[in-house]
Amino acid sequence: MSKLIANKVLNVKLEPRVAYYGSFYDEESNQVDKGVAIFFPGPHSYTGEDVLELQGHGGISVLRKLLETVTFFGARLSEPGEFTRRAFLNGKMDLVQ
């Protein structure tokens, strides 16, 4: 899912673990912001799953629009502790960590 969202929001194919600087686009191809995107494919990510990290410039309205855009494309907000839970369930950490 994260790779699909990356293709739609960035209009480029990301290489794994390489920082890309460019424009973020919404569902109507309007530029939302410019920023950095990094794709971490599973199992080589914190959670052991594919992860897309987007770093915008900031500003509440811009970040809100970016969240609206990625949720439009199928993402959802994570629950508290969800990344750690997924990492544990995928064998990336144990209970001691």
C-alpha atoms as a PDB file:
ATOM      1  CA  MET A   1       0.000   0.000   0.000  1.00  0.00           C
ATOM      2  CA  SER A   2       2.743   2.487   0.916  1.00  0.00           C
ATOM      3  CA  LYS A   3       4.463   2.051  -2.451  1.00  0.00           C
ATOM      4  CA  LEU A   4       1.155   2.682  -4.244  1.00  0.00           C
ATOM      5  CA  ILE A   5       0.582   5.839  -2.203  1.00  0.00           C
ATOM      6  CA  ALA A   6       4.139   6.995  -2.940  1.00  0.00           C
ATOM      7  CA  ASN A   7       3.556   6.649  -6.677  1.00  0.00           C
ATOM      8  CA  LYS A   8       0.364   8.727  -6.463  1.00  0.00           C
ATOM      9  CA  VAL A   9       1.559  11.446  -4.083  1.00  0.00           C
ATOM     10  CA  LEU A  10       5.032  11.859  -5.590  1.00  0.00           C
ATOM     11  CA  ASN A  11       4.562  10.878  -9.238  1.00  0.00           C
ATOM     12  CA  VAL A  12       7.959   9.114  -9.121  1.00  0.00           C
ATOM     13  CA  LYS A  13       9.200   5.628  -8.336  1.00  0.00           C
ATOM     14  CA  LEU A  14      11.161   5.628  -5.108  1.00  0.00           C
ATOM     15  CA  GLU A  15      14.288   3.555  -4.622  1.00  0.00           C
ATOM     16  CA  PRO A  16      14.403   1.758  -1.266  1.00  0.00           C
ATOM     17  CA  ARG A  17      16.092   3.679   1.558  1.00  0.00           C
ATOM     18  CA  VAL A  18      16.978   6.673  -0.649  1.00  0.00           C
ATOM     19  CA  ALA A  19      15.800  10.164   0.308  1.00  0.00           C
ATOM     20  CA  TYR A  20      13.853  11.879  -2.472  1.00  0.00           C
ATOM     21  CA  TYR A  21      13.251  15.630  -2.404  1.00  0.00           C
ATOM     22  CA  GLY A  22      10.362  16.819  -4.523  1.00  0.00           C
ATOM     23  CA  SER A  23       6.745  17.844  -4.714  1.00  0.00           C
ATOM     24  CA  PHE A  24       3.801  16.142  -3.024  1.00  0.00           C
ATOM     25  CA  TYR A  25       0.586  16.124  -5.084  1.00  0.00           C
ATOM     26  CA  ASP A  26      -3.062  15.658  -4.119  1.00  0.00           C
ATOM     27  CA  GLU A  27      -5.712  13.557  -5.868  1.00  0.00           C
ATOM     28  CA  GLU A  28      -6.281  16.333  -8.441  1.00  0.00           C
ATOM     29  CA  SER A  29      -2.542  16.645  -9.213  1.00  0.00           C
ATOM     30  CA  ASN A  30      -2.274  19.969  -7.370  1.00  0.00           C
ATOM     31  CA  GLN A  31       1.013  20.543  -5.576  1.00  0.00           C
ATOM     32  CA  VAL A  32       0.475  20.335  -1.814  1.00  0.00           C
ATOM     33  CA  ASP A  33       4.038  20.896  -0.616  1.00  0.00           C
ATOM     34  CA  LYS A  34       7.652  20.036  -1.270  1.00  0.00           C
ATOM     35  CA  GLY A  35       9.513  17.755   1.059  1.00  0.00           C
ATOM     36  CA  VAL A  36      11.461  14.570   1.589  1.00  0.00           C
ATOM     37  CA  ALA A  37      10.132  11.054   1.049  1.00  0.00           C
ATOM     38  CA  ILE A  38      11.832   7.794   1.971  1.00  0.00           C
ATOM     39  CA  PHE A  39      10.500   4.309   1.221  1.00  0.00           C
ATOM     40  CA  PHE A  40      11.553   1.522   3.602  1.00  0.00           C
ATOM     41  CA  PRO A  41      10.562  -1.897   2.216  1.00  0.00           C
ATOM     42  CA  GLY A  42       9.797  -4.720   4.597  1.00  0.00           C
ATOM     43  CA  PRO A  43      11.341  -6.608   6.215  1.00  0.00           C
ATOM     44  CA  HIS A  44      14.085  -3.943   6.442  1.00  0.00           C
ATOM     45  CA  SER A  45      12.028  -1.346   8.301  1.00  0.00           C
ATOM     46  CA  TYR A  46      11.236  -0.660  11.948  1.00  0.00           C
ATOM     47  CA  THR A  47       7.926  -2.530  11.711  1.00  0.00           C
ATOM     48  CA  GLY A  48       9.096  -5.218   9.290  1.00  0.00           C
ATOM     49  CA  GLU A  49       6.494  -3.963   6.782  1.00  0.00           C
ATOM     50  CA  ASP A  50       6.669  -1.505   3.888  1.00  0.00           C
ATOM     51  CA  VAL A  51       6.791   2.043   5.274  1.00  0.00           C
ATOM     52  CA  LEU A  52       6.616   5.383   3.481  1.00  0.00           C
ATOM     53  CA  GLU A  53       7.959   8.360   5.408  1.00  0.00           C
ATOM     54  CA  LEU A  54       6.940  11.843   4.242  1.00  0.00           C
ATOM     55  CA  GLN A  55       8.551  14.944   5.723  1.00  0.00           C
ATOM     56  CA  GLY A  56       6.809  18.170   4.785  1.00  0.00           C
ATOM     57  CA  HIS A  57       7.885  21.711   5.518  1.00  0.00           C
ATOM     58  CA  GLY A  58       5.355  22.135   8.268  1.00  0.00           C
ATOM     59  CA  GLY A  59       2.515  24.479   8.875  1.00  0.00           C
ATOM     60  CA  ILE A  60      -0.737  23.043  10.131  1.00  0.00           C
ATOM     61  CA  SER A  61      -2.782  23.652   6.967  1.00  0.00           C
ATOM     62  CA  VAL A  62      -0.174  22.099   4.662  1.00  0.00           C
ATOM     63  CA  LEU A  63       0.305  19.046   6.868  1.00  0.00           C
ATOM     64  CA  ARG A  64      -3.460  18.660   7.267  1.00  0.00           C
ATOM     65  CA  LYS A  65      -3.839  18.670   3.462  1.00  0.00           C
ATOM     66  CA  LEU A  66      -1.033  16.124   3.125  1.00  0.00           C
ATOM     67  CA  LEU A  67      -2.774  13.845   5.656  1.00  0.00           C
ATOM     68  CA  GLU A  68      -6.070  14.256   3.780  1.00  0.00           C
ATOM     69  CA  THR A  69      -4.295  13.324   0.554  1.00  0.00           C
ATOM     70  CA  VAL A  70      -2.619  10.153   1.806  1.00  0.00           C
ATOM     71  CA  THR A  71      -5.841   9.005   3.506  1.00  0.00           C
ATOM     72  CA  PHE A  72      -7.691   9.630   0.242  1.00  0.00           C
ATOM     73  CA  PHE A  73      -5.215   7.249  -1.418  1.00  0.00           C
ATOM     74  CA  GLY A  74      -5.783   4.553   1.222  1.00  0.00           C
ATOM     75  CA  ALA A  75      -3.567   5.323   4.226  1.00  0.00           C
ATOM     76  CA  ARG A  76      -4.938   5.705   7.732  1.00  0.00           C
ATOM     77  CA  LEU A  77      -3.685   7.280  10.927  1.00  0.00           C
ATOM     78  CA  SER A  78      -1.858   4.884  13.214  1.00  0.00           C
ATOM     79  CA  GLU A  79      -3.051   4.107  16.706  1.00  0.00           C
ATOM     80  CA  PRO A  80      -0.861   4.862  19.752  1.00  0.00           C
ATOM     81  CA  GLY A  81       1.819   2.169  20.010  1.00  0.00           C
ATOM     82  CA  GLU A  82       0.871   0.591  16.686  1.00  0.00           C
ATOM     83  CA  PHE A  83       4.344   0.775  15.121  1.00  0.00           C
ATOM     84  CA  THR A  84       5.917  -0.904  18.148  1.00  0.00           C
ATOM     85  CA  ARG A  85       3.164  -3.551  18.227  1.00  0.00           C
ATOM     86  CA  ARG A  86       3.702  -4.313  14.539  1.00  0.00           C
ATOM     87  CA  ALA A  87       7.474  -4.495  15.057  1.00  0.00           C
ATOM     88  CA  PHE A  88       6.945  -6.980  17.901  1.00  0.00           C
ATOM     89  CA  LEU A  89       4.443  -9.099  15.939  1.00  0.00           C
ATOM     90  CA  ASN A  90       6.816  -9.181  12.953  1.00  0.00           C
ATOM     91  CA  GLY A  91       9.758 -10.355  15.075  1.00  0.00           C
ATOM     92  CA  LYS A  92      11.682  -7.077  14.842  1.00  0.00           C
ATOM     93  CA  MET A  93      11.905  -6.722  18.641  1.00  0.00           C
ATOM     94  CA  ASP A  94      11.197  -8.724  21.754  1.00  0.00           C
ATOM     95  CA  LEU A  95       9.378  -7.814  24.970  1.00  0.00           C
ATOM     96  CA  VAL A  96      12.616  -6.678  26.626  1.00  0.00           C
ATOM     97  CA  GLN A  97      13.170  -4.026  23.974  1.00  0.00           C
END
